Amino acid sequence: MQRRLNLIAHHGLNRLASREHAWLQRLNGAHLPGWEVGLLRLVSRLGDGVFWYALMLALFAWHGWEALPAVLHMIVAGLAGTLLYKWLKGATERPRPYQVCPSICCLTAPLDRFSFPSGHTLHAVVFSLVATAYYPALGWLVWPFTALVALSRLVLGLHYVSDVLVGALLGAATAGVALAL
């Protein structure tokens, strides 16, 4: 049964990918000025966790122990998101766009082998939703960063648009469940 689900997922994701290649060729940053690609590489690396860990530490610095519930929520939701996206990546084994479409350039090293869903986008949405649920004033900081993380995954040739959209939806669902507990 699991094998059949994997085959269905592969077939569906491959059909979707073929439709997304033209969009990705336009979005791919191979023709962007070096400073723009450099900025998106930096955003992508900060989105590996550095930005979010720094935010959690900053919350403790600004709010002391009052920040503990928010930080714990961020950690729990982040761990749940990690389990979810790692399972999905292993189950679908969708290759990254630059691996299948020669006209899409990989502009930074990926953290893992597969593309579906975007773990960076999933975590950016999870952490932004949880952080702004506790501290709405952080919206000006976390939401533009989240948008840049999602954009960076496309421009750097690491993800399909569907990877990013599904990552965002899974991130929203994960944060919603975590906040409801």
N, C-alpha and C. Protein backbone atom coordinates (compact mmCIF):
# COMPACT_ATOMS: atom_id res chain seq x y z
N MET A 1 0.82 -1.20 0.00
CA MET A 1 0.00 0.00 0.00
C MET A 1 0.87 1.27 0.00
N GLN A 2 1.91 1.29 0.87
CA GLN A 2 2.81 2.45 0.93
C GLN A 2 3.50 2.68 -0.41
N ARG A 3 3.91 1.58 -1.05
CA ARG A 3 4.59 1.70 -2.35
C ARG A 3 3.64 2.31 -3.39
N ARG A 4 2.38 1.89 -3.37
CA ARG A 4 1.41 2.44 -4.32
C ARG A 4 1.21 3.93 -4.08
N LEU A 5 1.12 4.34 -2.83
CA LEU A 5 0.99 5.77 -2.52
C LEU A 5 2.21 6.55 -3.00
N ASN A 6 3.40 5.97 -2.82
CA ASN A 6 4.62 6.62 -3.30
C ASN A 6 4.59 6.80 -4.81
N LEU A 7 4.13 5.79 -5.54
CA LEU A 7 4.05 5.89 -7.00
C LEU A 7 3.06 6.95 -7.44
N ILE A 8 1.93 7.00 -6.78
CA ILE A 8 0.92 8.02 -7.10
C ILE A 8 1.49 9.41 -6.82
N ALA A 9 2.15 9.57 -5.69
CA ALA A 9 2.75 10.86 -5.34
C ALA A 9 3.81 11.25 -6.37
N HIS A 10 4.68 10.31 -6.74
CA HIS A 10 5.71 10.60 -7.74
C HIS A 10 5.10 11.05 -9.05
N HIS A 11 4.11 10.31 -9.52
CA HIS A 11 3.47 10.64 -10.80
C HIS A 11 2.84 12.03 -10.74
N GLY A 12 2.08 12.30 -9.71
CA GLY A 12 1.42 13.60 -9.58
C GLY A 12 2.41 14.75 -9.46
N LEU A 13 3.45 14.56 -8.65
CA LEU A 13 4.45 15.62 -8.49
C LEU A 13 5.25 15.84 -9.76
N ASN A 14 5.53 14.79 -10.51
CA ASN A 14 6.26 14.94 -11.77
C ASN A 14 5.43 15.70 -12.80
N ARG A 15 4.14 15.39 -12.87
CA ARG A 15 3.26 16.13 -13.80
C ARG A 15 3.20 17.61 -13.42
N LEU A 16 3.07 17.87 -12.13
CA LEU A 16 3.03 19.25 -11.66
C LEU A 16 4.35 19.96 -11.94
N ALA A 17 5.46 19.29 -11.71
CA ALA A 17 6.78 19.88 -11.93
C ALA A 17 6.96 20.31 -13.38
N SER A 18 6.50 19.50 -14.31
CA SER A 18 6.66 19.85 -15.73
C SER A 18 5.92 21.15 -16.06
N ARG A 19 4.85 21.41 -15.36
CA ARG A 19 4.09 22.65 -15.58
C ARG A 19 4.76 23.85 -14.90
N GLU A 20 5.55 23.59 -13.91
CA GLU A 20 6.18 24.67 -13.14
C GLU A 20 7.54 25.10 -13.69
N HIS A 21 8.15 24.31 -14.56
CA HIS A 21 9.49 24.62 -15.04
C HIS A 21 9.57 26.00 -15.69
N ALA A 22 8.60 26.37 -16.51
CA ALA A 22 8.63 27.67 -17.18
C ALA A 22 8.63 28.82 -16.17
N TRP A 23 7.84 28.71 -15.12
CA TRP A 23 7.82 29.75 -14.08
C TRP A 23 9.17 29.83 -13.39
N LEU A 24 9.70 28.67 -13.06
CA LEU A 24 10.97 28.64 -12.35
C LEU A 24 12.12 29.19 -13.19
N GLN A 25 12.07 28.96 -14.49
CA GLN A 25 13.11 29.50 -15.36
C GLN A 25 13.11 31.03 -15.31
N ARG A 26 11.93 31.62 -15.20
CA ARG A 26 11.83 33.08 -15.09
C ARG A 26 12.26 33.58 -13.71
N LEU A 27 11.93 32.81 -12.68
CA LEU A 27 12.27 33.22 -11.31
C LEU A 27 13.72 32.95 -10.94
N ASN A 28 14.32 31.96 -11.58
CA ASN A 28 15.68 31.56 -11.22
C ASN A 28 16.63 32.75 -11.31
N GLY A 29 17.43 32.91 -10.28
CA GLY A 29 18.27 34.10 -10.15
C GLY A 29 19.56 34.08 -10.94
N ALA A 30 19.73 33.13 -11.86
CA ALA A 30 20.98 33.05 -12.61
C ALA A 30 21.26 34.34 -13.38
N HIS A 31 20.23 35.11 -13.69
CA HIS A 31 20.40 36.34 -14.46
C HIS A 31 20.25 37.59 -13.60
N LEU A 32 20.15 37.42 -12.30
CA LEU A 32 20.04 38.56 -11.40
C LEU A 32 21.41 39.13 -11.08
N PRO A 33 21.45 40.40 -10.68
CA PRO A 33 22.73 40.96 -10.22
C PRO A 33 23.25 40.17 -9.01
N GLY A 34 24.55 40.12 -8.88
CA GLY A 34 25.18 39.36 -7.82
C GLY A 34 24.72 39.74 -6.43
N TRP A 35 24.45 41.03 -6.18
CA TRP A 35 24.04 41.45 -4.84
C TRP A 35 22.68 40.88 -4.48
N GLU A 36 21.77 40.76 -5.46
CA GLU A 36 20.44 40.21 -5.19
C GLU A 36 20.54 38.72 -4.85
N VAL A 37 21.33 37.99 -5.63
CA VAL A 37 21.54 36.57 -5.35
C VAL A 37 22.21 36.42 -3.99
N GLY A 38 23.19 37.26 -3.70
CA GLY A 38 23.87 37.22 -2.40
C GLY A 38 22.92 37.47 -1.24
N LEU A 39 22.00 38.44 -1.41
CA LEU A 39 21.01 38.73 -0.38
C LEU A 39 20.11 37.52 -0.15
N LEU A 40 19.65 36.89 -1.22
CA LEU A 40 18.76 35.74 -1.08
C LEU A 40 19.49 34.52 -0.53
N ARG A 41 20.77 34.39 -0.84
CA ARG A 41 21.57 33.32 -0.22
C ARG A 41 21.66 33.55 1.29
N LEU A 42 21.88 34.79 1.68
CA LEU A 42 21.96 35.14 3.11
C LEU A 42 20.63 34.85 3.80
N VAL A 43 19.53 35.28 3.19
CA VAL A 43 18.20 35.02 3.75
C VAL A 43 17.97 33.52 3.90
N SER A 44 18.36 32.76 2.88
CA SER A 44 18.18 31.32 2.91
C SER A 44 18.99 30.71 4.06
N ARG A 45 20.22 31.14 4.24
CA ARG A 45 21.05 30.61 5.33
C ARG A 45 20.51 31.02 6.69
N LEU A 46 20.06 32.25 6.81
CA LEU A 46 19.44 32.68 8.07
C LEU A 46 18.18 31.88 8.34
N GLY A 47 17.46 31.52 7.27
CA GLY A 47 16.25 30.72 7.40
C GLY A 47 16.53 29.27 7.77
N ASP A 48 17.81 28.85 7.74
CA ASP A 48 18.19 27.51 8.20
C ASP A 48 17.87 27.33 9.68
N GLY A 49 17.67 28.41 10.38
CA GLY A 49 17.38 28.36 11.82
C GLY A 49 17.99 29.50 12.57
N VAL A 50 19.06 30.07 12.05
CA VAL A 50 19.79 31.12 12.75
C VAL A 50 18.87 32.29 13.14
N PHE A 51 18.08 32.76 12.18
CA PHE A 51 17.18 33.89 12.44
C PHE A 51 16.19 33.55 13.56
N TRP A 52 15.64 32.35 13.51
CA TRP A 52 14.61 31.95 14.47
C TRP A 52 15.20 31.73 15.86
N TYR A 53 16.39 31.13 15.93
CA TYR A 53 17.04 30.94 17.23
C TYR A 53 17.40 32.30 17.84
N ALA A 54 17.88 33.21 16.99
CA ALA A 54 18.21 34.55 17.47
C ALA A 54 16.96 35.26 17.96
N LEU A 55 15.84 35.06 17.27
CA LEU A 55 14.58 35.67 17.70
C LEU A 55 14.17 35.13 19.07
N MET A 56 14.29 33.82 19.26
CA MET A 56 13.94 33.23 20.56
C MET A 56 14.82 33.79 21.68
N LEU A 57 16.10 33.91 21.42
CA LEU A 57 17.00 34.50 22.42
C LEU A 57 16.66 35.96 22.67
N ALA A 58 16.33 36.69 21.61
CA ALA A 58 15.95 38.10 21.76
C ALA A 58 14.67 38.24 22.59
N LEU A 59 13.73 37.33 22.40
CA LEU A 59 12.51 37.37 23.20
C LEU A 59 12.84 37.23 24.69
N PHE A 60 13.76 36.31 25.02
CA PHE A 60 14.18 36.18 26.41
C PHE A 60 14.89 37.44 26.89
N ALA A 61 15.72 38.02 26.04
CA ALA A 61 16.44 39.24 26.43
C ALA A 61 15.48 40.40 26.69
N TRP A 62 14.43 40.53 25.87
CA TRP A 62 13.50 41.65 26.01
C TRP A 62 12.43 41.40 27.07
N HIS A 63 11.96 40.16 27.16
CA HIS A 63 10.80 39.89 28.02
C HIS A 63 11.10 38.98 29.20
N GLY A 64 12.34 38.52 29.31
CA GLY A 64 12.68 37.63 30.43
C GLY A 64 11.89 36.33 30.35
N TRP A 65 11.56 35.80 31.54
CA TRP A 65 10.87 34.52 31.61
C TRP A 65 9.44 34.57 31.09
N GLU A 66 8.90 35.77 30.91
CA GLU A 66 7.56 35.89 30.32
C GLU A 66 7.53 35.33 28.89
N ALA A 67 8.70 35.27 28.25
CA ALA A 67 8.78 34.78 26.87
C ALA A 67 8.79 33.26 26.79
N LEU A 68 8.92 32.59 27.94
CA LEU A 68 9.04 31.13 27.93
C LEU A 68 7.90 30.42 27.20
N PRO A 69 6.62 30.76 27.45
CA PRO A 69 5.55 30.06 26.71
C PRO A 69 5.67 30.22 25.19
N ALA A 70 6.00 31.42 24.73
CA ALA A 70 6.14 31.66 23.28
C ALA A 70 7.29 30.84 22.72
N VAL A 71 8.42 30.87 23.41
CA VAL A 71 9.60 30.14 22.92
C VAL A 71 9.34 28.63 22.93
N LEU A 72 8.72 28.12 23.98
CA LEU A 72 8.40 26.69 24.02
C LEU A 72 7.44 26.30 22.90
N HIS A 73 6.47 27.17 22.65
CA HIS A 73 5.54 26.91 21.54
C HIS A 73 6.29 26.88 20.20
N MET A 74 7.22 27.81 20.03
CA MET A 74 8.00 27.84 18.80
C MET A 74 8.83 26.56 18.65
N ILE A 75 9.43 26.12 19.74
CA ILE A 75 10.26 24.91 19.70
C ILE A 75 9.42 23.67 19.38
N VAL A 76 8.31 23.51 20.08
CA VAL A 76 7.45 22.35 19.85
C VAL A 76 6.89 22.35 18.43
N ALA A 77 6.40 23.49 17.98
CA ALA A 77 5.85 23.57 16.62
C ALA A 77 6.95 23.35 15.59
N GLY A 78 8.14 23.87 15.85
CA GLY A 78 9.26 23.67 14.94
C GLY A 78 9.66 22.21 14.84
N LEU A 79 9.68 21.51 15.97
CA LEU A 79 10.01 20.08 15.96
C LEU A 79 8.94 19.27 15.22
N ALA A 80 7.69 19.61 15.46
CA ALA A 80 6.60 18.93 14.74
C ALA A 80 6.72 19.17 13.24
N GLY A 81 7.04 20.40 12.85
CA GLY A 81 7.23 20.72 11.44
C GLY A 81 8.39 19.94 10.83
N THR A 82 9.46 19.78 11.60
CA THR A 82 10.61 19.02 11.11
C THR A 82 10.23 17.57 10.86
N LEU A 83 9.52 16.95 11.79
CA LEU A 83 9.09 15.56 11.61
C LEU A 83 8.21 15.42 10.37
N LEU A 84 7.28 16.37 10.21
CA LEU A 84 6.35 16.32 9.09
C LEU A 84 7.07 16.47 7.75
N TYR A 85 7.91 17.50 7.63
CA TYR A 85 8.53 17.71 6.31
C TYR A 85 9.56 16.63 5.99
N LYS A 86 10.28 16.12 6.99
CA LYS A 86 11.23 15.04 6.71
C LYS A 86 10.50 13.76 6.26
N TRP A 87 9.37 13.47 6.89
CA TRP A 87 8.59 12.30 6.47
C TRP A 87 8.10 12.48 5.04
N LEU A 88 7.55 13.66 4.72
CA LEU A 88 7.05 13.90 3.36
C LEU A 88 8.15 13.86 2.32
N LYS A 89 9.30 14.42 2.63
CA LYS A 89 10.41 14.38 1.68
C LYS A 89 10.83 12.95 1.40
N GLY A 90 10.90 12.15 2.45
CA GLY A 90 11.26 10.74 2.27
C GLY A 90 10.20 9.96 1.54
N ALA A 91 8.94 10.29 1.76
CA ALA A 91 7.84 9.57 1.13
C ALA A 91 7.69 9.92 -0.35
N THR A 92 7.96 11.17 -0.71
CA THR A 92 7.75 11.59 -2.10
C THR A 92 9.02 11.57 -2.94
N GLU A 93 10.16 11.79 -2.31
CA GLU A 93 11.46 11.80 -3.01
C GLU A 93 11.44 12.64 -4.29
N ARG A 94 10.84 13.80 -4.22
CA ARG A 94 10.77 14.68 -5.39
C ARG A 94 12.14 15.33 -5.60
N PRO A 95 12.71 15.18 -6.80
CA PRO A 95 14.00 15.83 -7.07
C PRO A 95 13.86 17.34 -7.09
N ARG A 96 14.94 18.01 -6.83
CA ARG A 96 14.94 19.48 -6.87
C ARG A 96 14.89 19.94 -8.32
N PRO A 97 14.36 21.15 -8.56
CA PRO A 97 14.18 21.62 -9.94
C PRO A 97 15.46 21.62 -10.77
N TYR A 98 16.57 22.04 -10.19
CA TYR A 98 17.81 22.10 -10.95
C TYR A 98 18.31 20.71 -11.33
N GLN A 99 17.83 19.67 -10.64
CA GLN A 99 18.25 18.30 -10.96
C GLN A 99 17.52 17.76 -12.19
N VAL A 100 16.36 18.32 -12.51
CA VAL A 100 15.56 17.80 -13.62
C VAL A 100 15.50 18.75 -14.81
N CYS A 101 15.70 20.00 -14.57
CA CYS A 101 15.59 21.00 -15.65
C CYS A 101 16.95 21.70 -15.80
N PRO A 102 17.69 21.38 -16.87
CA PRO A 102 19.04 21.93 -17.02
C PRO A 102 19.11 23.45 -17.10
N SER A 103 18.00 24.11 -17.45
CA SER A 103 18.04 25.57 -17.56
C SER A 103 17.84 26.26 -16.21
N ILE A 104 17.61 25.51 -15.15
CA ILE A 104 17.48 26.09 -13.81
C ILE A 104 18.79 25.86 -13.07
N CYS A 105 19.39 26.94 -12.61
CA CYS A 105 20.68 26.86 -11.92
C CYS A 105 20.48 26.78 -10.42
N CYS A 106 21.25 25.93 -9.79
CA CYS A 106 21.28 25.86 -8.33
C CYS A 106 22.28 26.91 -7.86
N LEU A 107 21.82 27.88 -7.10
CA LEU A 107 22.67 29.00 -6.72
C LEU A 107 23.16 28.94 -5.27
N THR A 108 22.82 27.87 -4.58
CA THR A 108 23.35 27.63 -3.24
C THR A 108 23.17 26.15 -2.93
N ALA A 109 23.97 25.66 -2.02
CA ALA A 109 23.91 24.23 -1.71
C ALA A 109 22.65 23.90 -0.90
N PRO A 110 21.92 22.87 -1.30
CA PRO A 110 20.74 22.46 -0.52
C PRO A 110 21.17 21.74 0.76
N LEU A 111 20.26 21.76 1.75
CA LEU A 111 20.54 21.08 3.01
C LEU A 111 20.26 19.58 2.93
N ASP A 112 19.39 19.19 2.02
CA ASP A 112 19.08 17.78 1.86
C ASP A 112 18.80 17.49 0.39
N ARG A 113 18.43 16.26 0.11
CA ARG A 113 18.34 15.79 -1.27
C ARG A 113 17.06 16.14 -2.02
N PHE A 114 15.94 16.18 -1.33
CA PHE A 114 14.65 16.29 -2.01
C PHE A 114 14.00 17.65 -1.78
N SER A 115 12.98 17.94 -2.61
CA SER A 115 12.42 19.29 -2.59
C SER A 115 11.03 19.42 -1.98
N PHE A 116 10.25 18.36 -1.90
CA PHE A 116 8.84 18.50 -1.49
C PHE A 116 8.62 18.02 -0.07
N PRO A 117 8.11 18.91 0.77
CA PRO A 117 7.82 20.34 0.65
C PRO A 117 9.03 21.18 1.06
N SER A 118 8.91 22.48 0.96
CA SER A 118 9.97 23.38 1.40
C SER A 118 9.97 23.46 2.93
N GLY A 119 10.98 22.88 3.54
CA GLY A 119 11.11 22.93 5.00
C GLY A 119 11.41 24.34 5.49
N HIS A 120 12.17 25.11 4.70
CA HIS A 120 12.46 26.49 5.08
C HIS A 120 11.17 27.30 5.18
N THR A 121 10.32 27.16 4.17
CA THR A 121 9.06 27.92 4.15
C THR A 121 8.15 27.44 5.26
N LEU A 122 8.05 26.13 5.44
CA LEU A 122 7.23 25.56 6.51
C LEU A 122 7.64 26.15 7.85
N HIS A 123 8.93 26.14 8.15
CA HIS A 123 9.39 26.66 9.44
C HIS A 123 9.23 28.17 9.56
N ALA A 124 9.46 28.89 8.48
CA ALA A 124 9.28 30.34 8.53
C ALA A 124 7.83 30.69 8.88
N VAL A 125 6.88 29.99 8.28
CA VAL A 125 5.46 30.25 8.58
C VAL A 125 5.12 29.81 10.00
N VAL A 126 5.60 28.63 10.41
CA VAL A 126 5.36 28.16 11.78
C VAL A 126 5.84 29.18 12.79
N PHE A 127 7.11 29.56 12.68
CA PHE A 127 7.70 30.47 13.67
C PHE A 127 7.06 31.85 13.62
N SER A 128 6.73 32.33 12.43
CA SER A 128 6.10 33.65 12.33
C SER A 128 4.71 33.66 12.94
N LEU A 129 3.92 32.61 12.68
CA LEU A 129 2.57 32.54 13.25
C LEU A 129 2.61 32.44 14.78
N VAL A 130 3.48 31.59 15.30
CA VAL A 130 3.56 31.44 16.75
C VAL A 130 4.09 32.73 17.39
N ALA A 131 5.14 33.29 16.82
CA ALA A 131 5.72 34.51 17.39
C ALA A 131 4.71 35.66 17.39
N THR A 132 3.98 35.83 16.28
CA THR A 132 3.03 36.95 16.23
C THR A 132 1.75 36.67 17.01
N ALA A 133 1.47 35.41 17.30
CA ALA A 133 0.33 35.11 18.18
C ALA A 133 0.61 35.64 19.58
N TYR A 134 1.86 35.56 20.01
CA TYR A 134 2.25 36.06 21.33
C TYR A 134 2.64 37.53 21.29
N TYR A 135 3.31 37.93 20.24
CA TYR A 135 3.83 39.30 20.13
C TYR A 135 3.48 39.87 18.75
N PRO A 136 2.26 40.37 18.58
CA PRO A 136 1.83 40.86 17.26
C PRO A 136 2.73 41.95 16.69
N ALA A 137 3.39 42.72 17.56
CA ALA A 137 4.26 43.79 17.09
C ALA A 137 5.47 43.27 16.31
N LEU A 138 5.76 41.98 16.41
CA LEU A 138 6.88 41.40 15.66
C LEU A 138 6.55 41.17 14.18
N GLY A 139 5.30 41.36 13.82
CA GLY A 139 4.88 41.12 12.44
C GLY A 139 5.71 41.86 11.41
N TRP A 140 6.08 43.10 11.70
CA TRP A 140 6.87 43.90 10.75
C TRP A 140 8.22 43.25 10.45
N LEU A 141 8.73 42.45 11.38
CA LEU A 141 10.02 41.80 11.21
C LEU A 141 9.89 40.40 10.60
N VAL A 142 9.02 39.59 11.17
CA VAL A 142 8.99 38.17 10.78
C VAL A 142 8.29 37.92 9.45
N TRP A 143 7.23 38.66 9.13
CA TRP A 143 6.50 38.36 7.88
C TRP A 143 7.27 38.75 6.63
N PRO A 144 7.93 39.91 6.58
CA PRO A 144 8.77 40.17 5.40
C PRO A 144 9.91 39.16 5.27
N PHE A 145 10.49 38.76 6.41
CA PHE A 145 11.55 37.75 6.36
C PHE A 145 11.00 36.43 5.83
N THR A 146 9.82 36.04 6.28
CA THR A 146 9.19 34.80 5.81
C THR A 146 8.96 34.86 4.30
N ALA A 147 8.49 35.99 3.80
CA ALA A 147 8.27 36.13 2.36
C ALA A 147 9.59 36.01 1.60
N LEU A 148 10.65 36.60 2.14
CA LEU A 148 11.96 36.51 1.49
C LEU A 148 12.51 35.08 1.52
N VAL A 149 12.27 34.36 2.61
CA VAL A 149 12.70 32.96 2.69
C VAL A 149 12.01 32.16 1.58
N ALA A 150 10.70 32.31 1.46
CA ALA A 150 9.94 31.59 0.43
C ALA A 150 10.45 31.95 -0.97
N LEU A 151 10.65 33.23 -1.22
CA LEU A 151 11.15 33.68 -2.52
C LEU A 151 12.55 33.13 -2.79
N SER A 152 13.39 33.12 -1.76
CA SER A 152 14.77 32.64 -1.94
C SER A 152 14.80 31.20 -2.41
N ARG A 153 13.89 30.39 -1.93
CA ARG A 153 13.88 28.97 -2.31
C ARG A 153 13.62 28.79 -3.80
N LEU A 154 12.82 29.69 -4.37
CA LEU A 154 12.51 29.64 -5.80
C LEU A 154 13.64 30.22 -6.64
N VAL A 155 14.08 31.40 -6.26
CA VAL A 155 15.11 32.10 -7.03
C VAL A 155 16.43 31.32 -7.04
N LEU A 156 16.75 30.66 -5.93
CA LEU A 156 18.01 29.92 -5.84
C LEU A 156 17.94 28.55 -6.52
N GLY A 157 16.78 28.20 -7.09
CA GLY A 157 16.63 26.96 -7.86
C GLY A 157 16.45 25.72 -7.03
N LEU A 158 16.09 25.89 -5.76
CA LEU A 158 16.00 24.75 -4.85
C LEU A 158 14.62 24.12 -4.75
N HIS A 159 13.57 24.88 -5.08
CA HIS A 159 12.20 24.39 -4.90
C HIS A 159 11.30 24.82 -6.04
N TYR A 160 10.25 24.03 -6.21
CA TYR A 160 9.14 24.38 -7.09
C TYR A 160 8.19 25.29 -6.33
N VAL A 161 7.36 26.01 -7.07
CA VAL A 161 6.34 26.87 -6.45
C VAL A 161 5.43 26.02 -5.57
N SER A 162 5.06 24.83 -6.04
CA SER A 162 4.19 23.95 -5.25
C SER A 162 4.87 23.51 -3.95
N ASP A 163 6.18 23.33 -3.95
CA ASP A 163 6.90 22.98 -2.72
C ASP A 163 6.74 24.09 -1.68
N VAL A 164 6.87 25.31 -2.15
CA VAL A 164 6.80 26.47 -1.25
C VAL A 164 5.36 26.67 -0.76
N LEU A 165 4.39 26.55 -1.66
CA LEU A 165 2.99 26.73 -1.25
C LEU A 165 2.56 25.66 -0.25
N VAL A 166 2.91 24.41 -0.52
CA VAL A 166 2.55 23.34 0.40
C VAL A 166 3.31 23.50 1.72
N GLY A 167 4.56 23.91 1.65
CA GLY A 167 5.32 24.19 2.88
C GLY A 167 4.63 25.25 3.72
N ALA A 168 4.16 26.32 3.08
CA ALA A 168 3.46 27.38 3.81
C ALA A 168 2.16 26.87 4.43
N LEU A 169 1.40 26.08 3.67
CA LEU A 169 0.14 25.54 4.20
C LEU A 169 0.39 24.58 5.36
N LEU A 170 1.39 23.72 5.22
CA LEU A 170 1.72 22.80 6.32
C LEU A 170 2.23 23.57 7.54
N GLY A 171 2.99 24.62 7.30
CA GLY A 171 3.46 25.45 8.40
C GLY A 171 2.31 26.12 9.14
N ALA A 172 1.34 26.62 8.38
CA ALA A 172 0.17 27.25 9.00
C ALA A 172 -0.63 26.23 9.80
N ALA A 173 -0.81 25.04 9.24
CA ALA A 173 -1.55 24.00 9.94
C ALA A 173 -0.82 23.56 11.20
N THR A 174 0.48 23.38 11.11
CA THR A 174 1.28 22.96 12.26
C THR A 174 1.22 24.00 13.37
N ALA A 175 1.37 25.27 13.01
CA ALA A 175 1.30 26.35 14.00
C ALA A 175 -0.11 26.41 14.61
N GLY A 176 -1.12 26.24 13.78
CA GLY A 176 -2.50 26.27 14.28
C GLY A 176 -2.74 25.18 15.30
N VAL A 177 -2.28 23.99 15.01
CA VAL A 177 -2.45 22.88 15.98
C VAL A 177 -1.66 23.16 17.25
N ALA A 178 -0.43 23.63 17.09
CA ALA A 178 0.41 23.90 18.27
C ALA A 178 -0.21 24.99 19.14
N LEU A 179 -0.77 26.01 18.52
CA LEU A 179 -1.37 27.10 19.29
C LEU A 179 -2.69 26.68 19.94
N ALA A 180 -3.36 25.70 19.35
CA ALA A 180 -4.63 25.25 19.90
C ALA A 180 -4.44 24.35 21.13
N LEU A 181 -3.24 23.80 21.28
CA LEU A 181 -2.99 22.90 22.43
C LEU A 181 -2.76 23.68 23.71
